[in-house]
N, C-alpha and C. Protein backbone atom coordinates (compact mmCIF):
# COMPACT_ATOMS: atom_id res chain seq x y z
N MET A 1 0.83 -1.15 0.10
CA MET A 1 0.04 -0.05 0.05
C MET A 1 0.94 1.26 0.00
N GLY A 2 0.54 2.32 -0.67
CA GLY A 2 1.24 3.50 -0.92
C GLY A 2 1.10 4.51 0.32
N VAL A 3 1.87 5.43 0.35
CA VAL A 3 1.83 6.56 1.38
C VAL A 3 0.41 7.24 1.30
N SER A 4 -0.04 7.38 2.63
CA SER A 4 -1.38 7.78 2.81
C SER A 4 -1.48 9.37 2.48
N SER A 5 -2.48 9.74 1.93
CA SER A 5 -2.66 11.32 1.54
C SER A 5 -3.27 11.80 2.93
N PHE A 6 -3.57 11.25 3.86
CA PHE A 6 -4.30 11.66 4.93
C PHE A 6 -3.33 12.08 6.16
N HIS A 7 -3.52 13.19 6.77
CA HIS A 7 -2.80 13.56 7.86
C HIS A 7 -3.12 12.74 9.06
N PRO A 8 -2.40 12.59 9.97
CA PRO A 8 -2.69 11.85 11.27
C PRO A 8 -4.14 12.44 11.94
N THR A 9 -4.44 13.72 11.78
CA THR A 9 -5.69 14.20 12.31
C THR A 9 -6.20 15.28 11.19
N ALA A 10 -7.54 15.33 11.09
CA ALA A 10 -7.98 16.22 10.35
C ALA A 10 -8.11 17.59 11.07
N PRO A 11 -8.43 18.58 10.27
CA PRO A 11 -8.32 20.00 10.70
C PRO A 11 -9.29 20.09 11.71
N ASP A 12 -9.07 21.03 12.75
CA ASP A 12 -10.01 21.13 13.84
C ASP A 12 -10.21 22.71 13.89
N CYS A 13 -10.91 23.45 13.11
CA CYS A 13 -11.03 24.92 12.86
C CYS A 13 -12.30 25.08 12.33
N PRO A 14 -12.82 26.23 12.69
CA PRO A 14 -14.22 26.68 12.19
C PRO A 14 -14.30 26.88 10.57
N GLU A 15 -13.15 26.81 9.91
CA GLU A 15 -12.98 27.29 8.56
C GLU A 15 -12.97 26.12 7.66
N LEU A 16 -13.50 26.07 6.29
CA LEU A 16 -13.00 25.06 5.41
C LEU A 16 -11.72 25.15 4.89
N THR A 17 -11.04 24.18 4.95
CA THR A 17 -9.55 24.36 4.55
C THR A 17 -9.28 23.56 3.26
N ASP A 18 -8.14 23.89 2.54
CA ASP A 18 -7.64 23.13 1.40
C ASP A 18 -7.77 21.62 1.69
N TYR A 19 -7.27 21.13 2.70
CA TYR A 19 -7.47 19.84 3.06
C TYR A 19 -8.63 19.36 3.09
N ASP A 20 -9.69 20.07 3.65
CA ASP A 20 -11.05 19.56 3.56
C ASP A 20 -11.58 19.37 2.11
N ARG A 21 -11.36 20.39 1.17
CA ARG A 21 -11.64 20.31 -0.05
C ARG A 21 -11.02 19.14 -0.74
N ALA A 22 -9.78 18.82 -0.53
CA ALA A 22 -9.05 17.68 -1.18
C ALA A 22 -9.61 16.31 -0.69
N HIS A 23 -10.26 16.31 0.58
CA HIS A 23 -10.70 15.09 1.04
C HIS A 23 -12.19 14.97 1.23
N ALA A 24 -13.06 15.98 0.69
CA ALA A 24 -14.44 15.99 0.67
C ALA A 24 -14.92 14.38 0.38
N GLY A 25 -14.45 13.93 -0.65
CA GLY A 25 -14.98 12.61 -1.12
C GLY A 25 -14.79 11.54 0.07
N ALA A 26 -13.58 11.75 0.56
CA ALA A 26 -13.44 10.66 1.77
C ALA A 26 -14.27 10.92 2.86
N TYR A 27 -14.54 12.24 3.36
CA TYR A 27 -15.51 12.54 4.28
C TYR A 27 -16.97 11.91 4.01
N LEU A 28 -17.45 12.03 2.77
CA LEU A 28 -18.65 11.44 2.28
C LEU A 28 -18.62 9.93 2.38
N ARG A 29 -17.62 9.38 2.02
CA ARG A 29 -17.54 7.81 2.18
C ARG A 29 -17.45 7.49 3.58
N LEU A 30 -16.83 8.22 4.59
CA LEU A 30 -16.85 7.94 6.04
C LEU A 30 -18.32 7.92 6.53
N LEU A 31 -19.00 9.05 6.08
CA LEU A 31 -20.43 9.08 6.55
C LEU A 31 -21.14 8.08 6.02
N ASP A 32 -20.99 7.73 4.78
CA ASP A 32 -21.80 6.47 4.31
C ASP A 32 -21.54 5.16 5.01
N ALA A 33 -20.02 4.92 5.27
CA ALA A 33 -19.68 3.61 5.96
C ALA A 33 -20.26 3.76 7.47
N GLU A 34 -20.29 4.91 8.03
CA GLU A 34 -20.94 4.96 9.28
C GLU A 34 -22.46 4.73 9.33
N ALA A 35 -23.13 5.24 8.45
CA ALA A 35 -24.50 4.89 8.22
C ALA A 35 -24.80 3.60 7.97
N ALA A 36 -23.81 2.77 7.35
CA ALA A 36 -23.98 1.35 7.13
C ALA A 36 -23.52 0.40 8.20
N ASP A 37 -23.16 1.21 9.29
CA ASP A 37 -22.68 0.45 10.50
C ASP A 37 -21.39 -0.30 10.32
N ALA A 38 -20.61 0.20 9.45
CA ALA A 38 -19.20 -0.47 9.13
C ALA A 38 -18.40 -0.22 10.49
N THR A 39 -17.54 -1.12 10.67
CA THR A 39 -16.68 -1.22 11.75
C THR A 39 -15.62 -0.07 11.68
N TRP A 40 -14.99 0.46 12.80
CA TRP A 40 -13.95 1.42 12.62
C TRP A 40 -12.66 0.86 11.85
N GLU A 41 -12.71 -0.51 11.97
CA GLU A 41 -11.37 -1.04 11.24
C GLU A 41 -11.61 -0.91 9.70
N ALA A 42 -12.82 -1.22 9.32
CA ALA A 42 -13.23 -1.28 7.87
C ALA A 42 -13.09 0.07 7.44
N MET A 43 -13.61 1.13 8.15
CA MET A 43 -13.44 2.50 7.75
C MET A 43 -12.06 2.98 7.67
N ALA A 44 -11.39 2.74 8.79
CA ALA A 44 -9.83 3.02 8.62
C ALA A 44 -9.21 2.47 7.47
N GLN A 45 -9.42 1.30 7.32
CA GLN A 45 -8.65 0.64 6.14
C GLN A 45 -9.30 1.03 4.81
N GLY A 46 -10.67 0.83 4.56
CA GLY A 46 -11.20 1.00 3.42
C GLY A 46 -11.43 2.47 2.88
N VAL A 47 -11.47 3.58 3.77
CA VAL A 47 -11.60 4.82 3.39
C VAL A 47 -10.17 5.58 3.49
N LEU A 48 -9.52 5.40 4.61
CA LEU A 48 -8.40 5.97 4.88
C LEU A 48 -7.09 5.46 4.56
N GLY A 49 -7.33 4.07 4.13
CA GLY A 49 -6.08 3.26 3.54
C GLY A 49 -5.15 3.10 4.50
N GLN A 50 -5.52 2.96 5.89
CA GLN A 50 -4.68 2.51 6.92
C GLN A 50 -4.49 1.14 7.22
N ASP A 51 -3.26 0.54 7.44
CA ASP A 51 -3.00 -0.84 7.83
C ASP A 51 -3.17 -0.82 9.36
N ILE A 52 -4.28 -1.19 9.71
CA ILE A 52 -4.57 -1.23 11.19
C ILE A 52 -3.63 -2.27 11.90
N GLY A 53 -3.04 -3.09 11.17
CA GLY A 53 -2.19 -4.14 11.90
C GLY A 53 -0.87 -3.49 12.43
N VAL A 54 -0.48 -2.28 11.74
CA VAL A 54 0.84 -1.69 12.15
C VAL A 54 0.67 -0.94 13.17
N ASP A 55 -0.26 -0.07 13.38
CA ASP A 55 -0.55 0.79 14.58
C ASP A 55 -2.06 1.03 14.78
N PRO A 56 -2.66 0.16 15.32
CA PRO A 56 -4.24 0.24 15.55
C PRO A 56 -4.58 1.48 16.41
N ALA A 57 -3.86 1.86 17.13
CA ALA A 57 -4.21 3.09 17.91
C ALA A 57 -4.17 4.31 17.18
N ALA A 58 -3.07 4.44 16.21
CA ALA A 58 -3.12 5.67 15.41
C ALA A 58 -4.00 5.63 14.47
N ALA A 59 -4.30 4.37 13.87
CA ALA A 59 -5.42 4.35 12.83
C ALA A 59 -6.81 4.70 13.48
N HIS A 60 -6.86 4.37 14.67
CA HIS A 60 -8.22 4.62 15.25
C HIS A 60 -8.42 6.30 15.61
N ILE A 61 -7.21 6.98 15.90
CA ILE A 61 -7.30 8.24 16.27
C ILE A 61 -7.55 8.93 14.92
N MET A 62 -6.72 8.30 13.78
CA MET A 62 -6.90 9.10 12.48
C MET A 62 -8.45 9.07 11.92
N LEU A 63 -9.14 7.96 12.26
CA LEU A 63 -10.60 7.60 11.81
C LEU A 63 -11.36 8.60 12.72
N ALA A 64 -11.18 8.59 14.02
CA ALA A 64 -12.02 9.50 14.72
C ALA A 64 -12.03 10.89 14.54
N SER A 65 -10.70 11.45 14.24
CA SER A 65 -10.56 12.76 13.91
C SER A 65 -11.24 13.08 12.36
N HIS A 66 -11.08 12.36 11.52
CA HIS A 66 -11.68 12.57 10.29
C HIS A 66 -13.12 12.42 10.21
N LEU A 67 -13.56 11.42 10.98
CA LEU A 67 -15.06 11.14 11.14
C LEU A 67 -15.65 12.43 11.59
N GLN A 68 -15.07 12.97 12.81
CA GLN A 68 -15.54 14.15 13.48
C GLN A 68 -15.47 15.25 12.46
N ARG A 69 -14.49 15.46 11.61
CA ARG A 69 -14.54 16.46 10.77
C ARG A 69 -15.61 16.18 9.70
N ALA A 70 -15.82 15.01 9.25
CA ALA A 70 -17.00 14.71 8.23
C ALA A 70 -18.38 15.06 8.91
N HIS A 71 -18.57 14.83 10.23
CA HIS A 71 -19.69 15.43 10.92
C HIS A 71 -19.90 16.81 10.88
N TRP A 72 -18.77 17.54 11.11
CA TRP A 72 -18.69 19.01 11.10
C TRP A 72 -19.18 19.54 9.65
N LEU A 73 -18.64 18.90 8.67
CA LEU A 73 -18.94 19.34 7.32
C LEU A 73 -20.23 19.06 6.85
N ARG A 74 -20.93 17.75 7.36
CA ARG A 74 -22.07 17.27 7.11
C ARG A 74 -23.33 18.49 7.75
N ASP A 75 -22.80 18.79 9.02
CA ASP A 75 -23.69 19.58 9.81
C ASP A 75 -23.62 21.08 9.55
N GLY A 76 -22.80 21.59 8.48
CA GLY A 76 -22.73 22.97 8.08
C GLY A 76 -21.51 23.25 7.27
N GLY A 77 -20.60 22.57 7.35
CA GLY A 77 -19.39 22.94 6.67
C GLY A 77 -19.49 22.95 5.08
N PHE A 78 -20.28 22.06 4.71
CA PHE A 78 -20.20 21.74 3.27
C PHE A 78 -21.15 23.00 2.54
N PHE A 79 -21.98 23.78 3.56
CA PHE A 79 -22.58 24.91 2.93
C PHE A 79 -21.44 25.85 2.49
N ARG A 80 -20.42 26.06 3.20
CA ARG A 80 -19.40 26.79 2.81
C ARG A 80 -18.71 26.34 1.53
N LEU A 81 -18.52 25.02 1.34
CA LEU A 81 -17.88 24.45 -0.01
C LEU A 81 -19.01 24.81 -1.08
N LEU A 82 -20.17 24.63 -1.02
CA LEU A 82 -21.17 25.03 -1.99
C LEU A 82 -21.19 26.45 -2.49
N ARG A 83 -21.05 27.26 -1.50
CA ARG A 83 -21.04 28.73 -1.68
C ARG A 83 -19.62 29.30 -2.60
N GLU A 84 -18.66 28.28 -2.53
CA GLU A 84 -17.57 28.51 -3.29
C GLU A 84 -17.85 28.31 -4.78
């Protein structure tokens, strides 16, 4: 597996970032996977490309951060993206 394009944690600010714009599709896939009751392992591996066997704690932190950002975008952040 190649190098991940994901940072260890997603942005945690009230503004839409270039990182958010670049990863909007992944955020949507995370929300879809969550709605389908996917396990955290499946989301970390399938969406974020993490090898959970290498460092499961880091993969879990990455997933939690990106899923939190996906919720922020779903709950209002995407309106900023649409206005652009």
